[in-house]
Amino acid sequence: MTTRTKTTMTTSSTTTTSTTTTTTTTTIPNTDCLRGFSSVIQLDVFNLTSSQPYTYYSYTYLAGIDQTSATLIIALRNVPQWWYLDDVSVVQSTNNGRGVELLSDGGFESGSLAPSWKTCTDGSDDFVGFIERENPRTGKCSFYDFATRHFDYISQTFETVPRELYNISMWLSASRSGDGISAAIFVGN
């Protein structure tokens, strides 16, 4: 089961929406960016019709019975503009409440994607996203993506303990209004 919590931050108020859905293993989409995984679980997919300030998304993921690692995969596309991603986190929720962060550089503060983050594109976009200093939610940097024709993917692998729960969270912001503002969140193993 996956729990999705979406919190939109504005200057005057906070709105929280909580939705619980059952997650099933999906057929791996026909993209080179998701090949190589024995299974891919879709935690969320959403489309926007207007710009969005930084919005908090969180999910709960249960590792498989023999699973010792997983890969968080975030797919982004925004026609006509860009996405900002910041403060990505994976925490083992049953680790005696200690909340040990399992991702490296989830705030992108190192100024570089390598070696922790990997990127990939579905098509021939001129570039895949990069680190920038223009619009971070916190700190000095965020991930900036300008995929307009195809999805771009950013991913990082983390260690898991079989049958343990993991809290996955991130902040996403979409600029401008359009009809092709889409994001999808996956876990592959």
Protein backbone atom coordinates (compact mmCIF):
# COMPACT_ATOMS: atom_id res chain seq x y z
CA MET A 1 0.00 0.00 0.00
CA THR A 2 1.20 3.51 -0.81
CA THR A 3 0.16 6.62 1.05
CA ARG A 4 0.41 9.88 -0.86
CA THR A 5 0.40 13.13 1.05
CA LYS A 6 0.52 16.37 -0.89
CA THR A 7 1.15 19.65 0.92
CA THR A 8 1.19 22.92 -1.00
CA MET A 9 3.05 25.77 0.66
CA THR A 10 1.82 29.31 0.10
CA THR A 11 2.60 32.53 1.89
CA SER A 12 -0.76 32.72 3.63
CA SER A 13 -1.82 29.11 4.31
CA THR A 14 -1.02 25.42 3.98
CA THR A 15 -3.29 22.90 2.29
CA THR A 16 -2.88 19.18 3.00
CA THR A 17 -4.47 16.40 1.00
CA SER A 18 -4.01 12.76 1.97
CA THR A 19 -4.88 9.90 -0.34
CA THR A 20 -4.36 6.19 0.24
CA THR A 21 -4.06 3.92 -2.77
CA THR A 22 -3.02 0.35 -3.38
CA THR A 23 0.17 0.03 -5.40
CA THR A 24 0.63 -2.77 -7.89
CA THR A 25 3.65 -3.73 -9.93
CA THR A 26 3.20 -2.31 -13.40
CA THR A 27 4.53 -3.45 -16.73
CA ILE A 28 7.82 -1.68 -17.30
CA PRO A 29 7.12 1.20 -19.73
CA ASN A 30 8.81 1.03 -23.10
CA THR A 31 11.67 3.34 -22.19
CA ASP A 32 15.39 2.71 -21.96
CA CYS A 33 15.37 4.72 -18.73
CA LEU A 34 13.43 2.00 -16.88
CA ARG A 35 15.05 -1.07 -18.44
CA GLY A 36 17.31 -3.21 -16.32
CA PHE A 37 14.98 -3.41 -13.33
CA SER A 38 13.34 -6.73 -12.47
CA SER A 39 10.26 -4.76 -11.39
CA VAL A 40 9.11 -1.16 -11.35
CA ILE A 41 6.43 0.05 -8.94
CA GLN A 42 4.61 3.26 -9.80
CA LEU A 43 4.01 5.26 -6.62
CA ASP A 44 2.31 8.19 -8.31
CA VAL A 45 1.59 9.87 -11.62
CA PHE A 46 0.00 13.28 -11.98
CA ASN A 47 -0.73 15.96 -14.53
CA LEU A 48 -1.09 19.66 -13.84
CA THR A 49 -2.84 22.30 -15.93
CA SER A 50 -1.29 25.30 -14.23
CA SER A 51 1.91 26.34 -12.50
CA GLN A 52 2.50 25.09 -8.98
CA PRO A 53 4.59 26.54 -6.15
CA TYR A 54 6.86 24.12 -4.29
CA THR A 55 4.55 21.29 -3.20
CA TYR A 56 5.44 18.46 -0.83
CA TYR A 57 4.82 14.87 -1.97
CA SER A 58 5.34 11.86 0.29
CA TYR A 59 4.90 8.12 -0.11
CA THR A 60 5.38 4.95 1.91
CA TYR A 61 7.20 2.05 0.25
CA LEU A 62 7.49 -1.54 1.52
CA ALA A 63 10.67 -3.39 0.46
CA GLY A 64 10.24 -6.91 -0.91
CA ILE A 65 10.94 -10.10 1.02
CA ASP A 66 14.49 -10.53 -0.39
CA GLN A 67 15.13 -6.94 -1.45
CA THR A 68 18.40 -5.32 -0.34
CA SER A 69 18.31 -2.23 -2.56
CA ALA A 70 15.86 -0.06 -4.49
CA THR A 71 16.06 2.85 -6.89
CA LEU A 72 13.91 5.95 -6.55
CA ILE A 73 13.04 7.19 -10.06
CA ILE A 74 11.40 10.57 -10.72
CA ALA A 75 10.13 11.27 -14.26
CA LEU A 76 9.40 14.87 -15.29
CA ARG A 77 7.96 16.61 -18.37
CA ASN A 78 6.72 20.19 -18.59
CA VAL A 79 5.30 21.80 -21.73
CA PRO A 80 6.03 24.71 -22.09
CA GLN A 81 8.48 25.35 -19.24
CA TRP A 82 10.33 23.61 -16.37
CA TRP A 83 10.24 21.72 -13.09
CA TYR A 84 12.22 22.36 -9.93
CA LEU A 85 12.93 19.43 -7.57
CA ASP A 86 14.40 19.84 -4.10
CA ASP A 87 14.78 18.16 -0.71
CA VAL A 88 14.33 14.56 -1.89
CA SER A 89 14.44 12.09 0.99
CA VAL A 90 14.20 8.36 1.71
CA VAL A 91 14.07 7.34 5.37
CA GLN A 92 13.59 3.87 6.82
CA SER A 93 10.42 4.39 8.86
CA THR A 94 10.91 1.41 11.18
CA ASN A 95 14.50 2.22 12.13
CA ASN A 96 13.60 2.74 15.82
CA GLY A 97 12.31 6.20 14.93
CA ARG A 98 15.82 7.46 14.17
CA GLY A 99 14.99 8.59 10.65
CA VAL A 100 18.34 7.84 9.00
CA GLU A 101 18.55 9.49 5.57
CA LEU A 102 19.37 6.92 2.87
CA LEU A 103 19.88 9.24 -0.11
CA SER A 104 23.02 11.22 -0.77
CA ASP A 105 22.63 14.92 -1.55
CA GLY A 106 18.82 14.98 -1.71
CA GLY A 107 18.99 18.78 -1.52
CA PHE A 108 21.46 18.96 -4.44
CA GLU A 109 23.74 21.19 -2.35
CA SER A 110 26.95 19.64 -3.71
CA GLY A 111 26.23 21.43 -7.00
CA SER A 112 26.77 18.19 -8.94
CA LEU A 113 24.55 15.21 -9.77
CA ALA A 114 27.47 12.76 -9.84
CA PRO A 115 28.15 10.37 -8.31
CA SER A 116 24.85 9.87 -6.43
CA TRP A 117 22.20 10.90 -8.95
CA LYS A 118 21.76 9.44 -12.44
CA THR A 119 19.79 11.06 -15.27
CA CYS A 120 18.23 9.72 -18.45
CA THR A 121 15.86 10.99 -21.15
CA ASP A 122 13.13 9.23 -23.14
CA GLY A 123 13.98 11.13 -26.28
CA SER A 124 16.29 13.53 -27.96
CA ASP A 125 15.79 16.58 -25.76
CA ASP A 126 18.76 18.89 -25.93
CA PHE A 127 19.67 18.22 -22.33
CA VAL A 128 18.61 16.33 -19.24
CA GLY A 129 18.10 18.39 -16.08
CA PHE A 130 20.93 19.85 -14.04
CA ILE A 131 21.69 21.58 -10.74
CA GLU A 132 20.91 25.30 -10.60
CA ARG A 133 20.86 28.11 -8.05
CA GLU A 134 17.88 30.12 -9.33
CA ASN A 135 14.94 28.63 -7.40
CA PRO A 136 15.89 26.31 -4.52
CA ARG A 137 13.25 25.55 -1.90
CA THR A 138 15.96 25.39 0.78
CA GLY A 139 19.72 25.83 0.64
CA LYS A 140 21.46 27.14 -2.46
CA CYS A 141 20.65 24.57 -5.17
CA SER A 142 17.85 22.52 -6.69
CA PHE A 143 17.42 20.18 -9.65
CA TYR A 144 16.11 21.99 -12.74
CA ASP A 145 14.52 20.14 -15.65
CA PHE A 146 13.32 21.48 -19.00
CA ALA A 147 11.97 18.30 -20.66
CA THR A 148 9.31 19.44 -23.12
CA ARG A 149 8.93 16.64 -25.66
CA HIS A 150 9.80 13.56 -23.61
CA PHE A 151 10.16 12.58 -19.98
CA ASP A 152 13.47 13.12 -18.24
CA TYR A 153 14.37 10.82 -15.36
CA ILE A 154 16.48 11.38 -12.27
CA SER A 155 17.25 8.43 -10.01
CA GLN A 156 19.27 7.24 -7.05
CA THR A 157 19.74 3.76 -5.58
CA PHE A 158 19.52 3.20 -1.83
CA GLU A 159 19.97 0.20 0.47
CA THR A 160 16.92 -1.55 1.90
CA VAL A 161 16.16 -4.14 4.55
CA PRO A 162 13.69 -6.79 3.36
CA ARG A 163 10.08 -6.20 4.48
CA GLU A 164 10.83 -2.76 5.99
CA LEU A 165 8.86 0.44 5.32
CA TYR A 166 10.45 3.52 3.77
CA ASN A 167 9.18 7.09 3.73
CA ILE A 168 9.90 8.79 0.40
CA SER A 169 9.39 12.54 0.08
CA MET A 170 10.23 15.45 -2.20
CA TRP A 171 9.28 19.01 -3.08
CA LEU A 172 8.30 19.84 -6.68
CA SER A 173 7.54 23.19 -8.32
CA ALA A 174 6.24 23.68 -11.88
CA SER A 175 6.56 26.96 -13.75
CA ARG A 176 3.94 28.42 -16.05
CA SER A 177 0.67 26.93 -17.21
CA GLY A 178 0.39 24.35 -19.96
CA ASP A 179 -1.20 21.12 -21.03
CA GLY A 180 1.84 18.87 -20.72
CA ILE A 181 2.94 19.25 -17.11
CA SER A 182 3.45 15.68 -15.90
CA ALA A 183 5.41 13.79 -13.28
CA ALA A 184 5.67 10.15 -12.26
CA ILE A 185 7.34 8.60 -9.23
CA PHE A 186 8.65 5.00 -9.38
CA VAL A 187 10.68 2.58 -7.30
CA GLY A 188 12.65 -0.01 -9.24
CA ASN A 189 14.55 -3.05 -8.06
